[in-house]
Amino acid sequence: MAVLMVSGTGTEIGKTVVTSAVSAAALAAGLSVAVLKPAQTGVGPDEPGDAAEVGRLAGSAVTTVELARYPEPLAPDTAARRAGLPTVSPERIAEAARELALSHDLVLVEGAGGLLVRFDEVGHTLADAARLLGAPVLIVAPAGLGTLNSTALTAEALRARGLTSPGVVIGSWPAEPDLASRCNLADLPSVSALPLLGAVPAGAGTLPPAAFRTAAPGWLAARLHGTWSAPVA
């Protein structure tokens, strides 16, 4: 069963665009792909969420599933409580991912914000669902100042829970990277003890979908079905 969790070191750092890029690259490699969004927050009933954005960018060949939606842009547990709606348990996430894995080569489970964001009143997180599935967790990190600490903390939290990660993808690589970003490109593997598996250009989500799908494999390393290689320092 090929299930890959996708978690950021925080919010608004390109997690959905990275999920879209991994989906597009896997499709180009001939795999069938499903994307599961356990909890969508901050959008109304008729507005497109992250799963719909993945479908738009990666294409209709991707199966997209959303388990719960809450109107306020908050952590899923808080948003559910304020809306008076049921939360999503790790067991439900794992069950949905297993069901999708029966008919797809790759299932991507996109979390909400960072790894330890609470999904329910008990305090369960994406890490708990990953543990039930025995699934690795791809870390999406920003490029600039502060990312070394947040990425190292996320990697440490995974290891402390007995979870694995294939590596780190930079979610929004600037067209003109500053000194911190350039140094982070070289330093992220050493501080996280994980390989760097790609760098998605800033603004990639605004590309026409056809152009996005064509370019996506070039942003990701071979382990994510792409052709990208980390620059030699």
Protein backbone atom coordinates (compact mmCIF):
# COMPACT_ATOMS: atom_id res chain seq x y z
CA MET A 1 0.00 0.00 0.00
CA ALA A 2 1.55 3.26 -1.13
CA VAL A 3 0.26 6.00 1.16
CA LEU A 4 2.26 9.18 1.66
CA MET A 5 1.28 11.81 4.19
CA VAL A 6 2.09 15.43 3.32
CA SER A 7 2.70 17.80 6.23
CA GLY A 8 4.06 21.31 6.42
CA THR A 9 6.29 22.86 9.03
CA GLY A 10 3.54 25.46 9.32
CA THR A 11 0.69 26.92 7.31
CA GLU A 12 0.62 28.79 3.99
CA ILE A 13 3.97 27.41 2.81
CA GLY A 14 2.95 25.64 -0.38
CA LYS A 15 1.71 22.28 0.88
CA THR A 16 -1.20 22.06 -1.57
CA VAL A 17 0.96 23.07 -4.53
CA VAL A 18 3.54 20.44 -3.55
CA THR A 19 0.78 17.84 -3.26
CA SER A 20 -0.37 18.88 -6.72
CA ALA A 21 3.16 18.63 -8.11
CA VAL A 22 3.72 15.16 -6.63
CA SER A 23 0.37 14.08 -8.06
CA ALA A 24 1.22 15.43 -11.52
CA ALA A 25 4.66 13.81 -11.52
CA ALA A 26 3.24 10.46 -10.42
CA LEU A 27 0.56 10.61 -13.11
CA ALA A 28 3.22 11.40 -15.71
CA ALA A 29 5.09 8.31 -14.51
CA GLY A 30 2.02 6.21 -15.23
CA LEU A 31 0.69 5.81 -11.70
CA SER A 32 -2.89 6.19 -10.56
CA VAL A 33 -3.22 8.83 -7.83
CA ALA A 34 -5.71 9.78 -5.13
CA VAL A 35 -5.52 12.77 -2.81
CA LEU A 36 -7.25 12.72 0.57
CA LYS A 37 -7.88 15.95 2.49
CA PRO A 38 -9.09 14.88 5.96
CA ALA A 39 -10.12 18.34 7.16
CA GLN A 40 -10.59 21.46 5.06
CA THR A 41 -10.88 24.69 7.02
CA GLY A 42 -11.52 28.27 6.05
CA VAL A 43 -13.80 27.76 3.05
CA GLY A 44 -17.54 27.87 2.60
CA PRO A 45 -19.81 25.00 1.51
CA ASP A 46 -19.68 25.87 -2.20
CA GLU A 47 -16.09 27.11 -2.41
CA PRO A 48 -13.25 25.02 -3.86
CA GLY A 49 -10.90 23.66 -1.21
CA ASP A 50 -7.38 22.22 -1.34
CA ALA A 51 -8.51 18.93 -2.87
CA ALA A 52 -10.24 20.78 -5.69
CA GLU A 53 -7.09 22.83 -6.27
CA VAL A 54 -5.06 19.64 -6.61
CA GLY A 55 -7.58 18.39 -9.15
CA ARG A 56 -7.38 21.66 -11.06
CA LEU A 57 -3.58 21.72 -11.22
CA ALA A 58 -2.76 18.02 -11.54
CA GLY A 59 -5.76 17.10 -13.65
CA SER A 60 -9.04 15.25 -13.49
CA ALA A 61 -7.24 11.89 -13.49
CA VAL A 62 -6.55 12.48 -9.78
CA THR A 63 -9.21 11.14 -7.44
CA THR A 64 -9.87 13.75 -4.74
CA VAL A 65 -11.67 13.13 -1.44
CA GLU A 66 -12.45 15.52 1.40
CA LEU A 67 -13.69 14.08 4.71
CA ALA A 68 -14.78 17.20 6.60
CA ARG A 69 -15.10 20.93 6.02
CA TYR A 70 -15.23 23.75 8.54
CA PRO A 71 -15.90 27.41 7.67
CA GLU A 72 -13.36 29.21 9.85
CA PRO A 73 -9.61 29.24 9.04
CA LEU A 74 -8.51 27.56 12.27
CA ALA A 75 -7.02 24.27 13.40
CA PRO A 76 -9.50 21.47 12.56
CA ASP A 77 -10.36 20.72 16.20
CA THR A 78 -11.02 24.38 17.00
CA ALA A 79 -12.90 24.99 13.76
CA ALA A 80 -15.10 21.93 14.33
CA ARG A 81 -15.86 22.91 17.92
CA ARG A 82 -16.82 26.46 16.97
CA ALA A 83 -19.01 25.23 14.12
CA GLY A 84 -20.66 22.53 16.22
CA LEU A 85 -19.56 19.87 13.75
CA PRO A 86 -18.00 16.43 14.27
CA THR A 87 -14.22 16.14 14.27
CA VAL A 88 -12.17 13.70 12.18
CA SER A 89 -10.46 10.86 14.02
CA PRO A 90 -7.18 9.27 12.93
CA GLU A 91 -9.06 5.99 12.50
CA ARG A 92 -11.39 7.59 9.96
CA ILE A 93 -8.44 9.10 8.08
CA ALA A 94 -6.66 5.76 8.01
CA GLU A 95 -9.78 3.91 6.87
CA ALA A 96 -10.35 6.37 4.01
CA ALA A 97 -6.71 6.16 2.92
CA ARG A 98 -6.76 2.34 2.97
CA GLU A 99 -9.93 2.31 0.89
CA LEU A 100 -8.37 4.60 -1.73
CA ALA A 101 -5.19 2.52 -1.76
CA LEU A 102 -7.17 -0.50 -2.92
CA SER A 103 -7.68 1.14 -6.32
CA HIS A 104 -4.75 3.59 -6.62
CA ASP A 105 -0.98 3.23 -6.87
CA LEU A 106 -0.36 6.33 -4.73
CA VAL A 107 -2.52 7.97 -2.07
CA LEU A 108 -1.45 11.39 -0.82
CA VAL A 109 -2.96 12.52 2.49
CA GLU A 110 -2.61 16.29 2.87
CA GLY A 111 -2.66 17.50 6.44
CA ALA A 112 -3.70 20.85 7.86
CA GLY A 113 -0.82 23.18 8.66
CA GLY A 114 1.93 21.50 10.69
CA LEU A 115 2.39 17.94 11.85
CA LEU A 116 0.98 18.38 15.35
CA VAL A 117 -2.11 20.44 14.53
CA ARG A 118 -5.03 18.92 16.45
CA PHE A 119 -7.74 17.15 14.47
CA ASP A 120 -10.03 16.26 17.36
CA GLU A 121 -10.85 17.04 20.98
CA VAL A 122 -8.55 14.25 22.20
CA GLY A 123 -5.56 15.91 20.58
CA HIS A 124 -4.96 13.45 17.75
CA THR A 125 -2.85 14.73 14.86
CA LEU A 126 -1.78 13.73 11.36
CA ALA A 127 1.06 11.81 13.02
CA ASP A 128 -1.47 9.50 14.68
CA ALA A 129 -3.06 8.69 11.32
CA ALA A 130 0.39 8.10 9.83
CA ARG A 131 1.18 5.66 12.64
CA LEU A 132 -2.04 3.71 12.06
CA LEU A 133 -1.20 3.46 8.36
CA GLY A 134 2.51 2.85 8.78
CA ALA A 135 2.91 5.65 6.24
CA PRO A 136 5.88 7.98 5.74
CA VAL A 137 5.45 11.74 6.04
CA LEU A 138 6.78 14.14 3.40
CA ILE A 139 7.78 17.47 4.97
CA VAL A 140 7.02 20.70 3.11
CA ALA A 141 9.11 23.63 4.31
CA PRO A 142 9.55 27.30 3.39
CA ALA A 143 12.79 28.53 1.89
CA GLY A 144 13.72 31.49 4.06
CA LEU A 145 14.96 32.43 7.49
CA GLY A 146 13.61 30.24 10.29
CA THR A 147 13.03 27.13 8.21
CA LEU A 148 16.02 25.24 9.63
CA ASN A 149 14.54 25.26 13.12
CA SER A 150 10.96 24.41 12.11
CA THR A 151 12.09 21.64 9.75
CA ALA A 152 14.43 20.13 12.34
CA LEU A 153 11.63 20.19 14.94
CA THR A 154 9.21 18.48 12.56
CA ALA A 155 11.76 15.79 11.68
CA GLU A 156 12.51 15.26 15.36
CA ALA A 157 8.79 14.95 16.18
CA LEU A 158 8.43 12.29 13.49
CA ARG A 159 11.35 10.26 14.79
CA ALA A 160 10.13 10.55 18.38
CA ARG A 161 6.87 8.92 17.26
CA GLY A 162 8.57 6.14 15.34
CA LEU A 163 7.59 7.63 11.98
CA THR A 164 9.69 7.96 8.86
CA SER A 165 10.02 10.60 6.16
CA PRO A 166 11.31 10.32 2.59
CA GLY A 167 12.58 13.89 2.81
CA VAL A 168 11.85 17.59 2.51
CA VAL A 169 10.43 19.67 -0.34
CA ILE A 170 10.69 23.46 -0.39
CA GLY A 171 7.17 24.64 -1.05
CA SER A 172 7.89 28.03 -2.60
CA TRP A 173 11.37 28.67 -3.98
CA PRO A 174 11.81 32.40 -4.78
CA ALA A 175 12.85 33.57 -8.24
CA GLU A 176 15.56 35.66 -6.59
CA PRO A 177 16.56 33.80 -3.42
CA ASP A 178 18.20 35.78 -0.64
CA LEU A 179 21.29 34.68 1.27
CA ALA A 180 19.29 32.77 3.90
CA SER A 181 17.37 30.82 1.26
CA ARG A 182 20.53 29.92 -0.65
CA CYS A 183 22.24 28.73 2.52
CA ASN A 184 19.13 26.81 3.64
CA LEU A 185 19.15 24.84 0.40
CA ALA A 186 22.49 23.35 1.48
CA ASP A 187 21.78 23.21 5.23
CA LEU A 188 18.30 21.64 5.33
CA PRO A 189 19.53 18.06 4.78
CA SER A 190 22.08 18.29 7.58
CA VAL A 191 19.78 19.86 10.19
CA SER A 192 16.86 17.53 9.40
CA ALA A 193 18.93 14.39 8.63
CA LEU A 194 16.65 13.99 5.61
CA PRO A 195 17.28 14.42 1.89
CA LEU A 196 16.05 17.45 -0.01
CA LEU A 197 13.58 16.12 -2.57
CA GLY A 198 12.64 19.21 -4.51
CA ALA A 199 11.93 22.91 -4.70
CA VAL A 200 8.68 24.16 -6.20
CA PRO A 201 8.99 27.67 -7.68
CA ALA A 202 7.08 30.49 -6.01
CA GLY A 203 3.91 31.19 -7.95
CA ALA A 204 3.77 27.71 -9.48
CA GLY A 205 0.11 27.44 -8.50
CA THR A 206 -0.74 30.36 -10.80
CA LEU A 207 0.56 28.59 -13.90
CA PRO A 208 -1.98 27.31 -16.42
CA PRO A 209 -2.74 23.72 -15.42
CA ALA A 210 -1.22 22.24 -18.57
CA ALA A 211 2.03 24.14 -17.99
CA PHE A 212 2.02 23.10 -14.31
CA ARG A 213 1.70 19.41 -15.22
CA THR A 214 4.49 19.62 -17.78
CA ALA A 215 6.87 21.39 -15.38
CA ALA A 216 6.08 19.49 -12.16
CA PRO A 217 8.50 16.55 -12.62
CA GLY A 218 11.35 19.04 -12.97
CA TRP A 219 10.69 20.39 -9.47
CA LEU A 220 10.91 17.02 -7.70
CA ALA A 221 13.58 14.38 -7.16
CA ALA A 222 13.42 10.86 -8.57
CA ARG A 223 11.98 9.49 -5.31
CA LEU A 224 8.91 11.63 -6.02
CA HIS A 225 8.83 10.59 -9.69
CA GLY A 226 10.68 13.68 -10.91
CA THR A 227 13.99 14.70 -12.45
CA TRP A 228 15.18 17.45 -10.06
CA SER A 229 18.61 17.29 -8.45
CA ALA A 230 19.76 19.41 -5.53
CA PRO A 231 22.44 21.93 -6.55
CA VAL A 232 25.96 21.05 -5.51
CA ALA A 233 27.17 23.52 -2.88
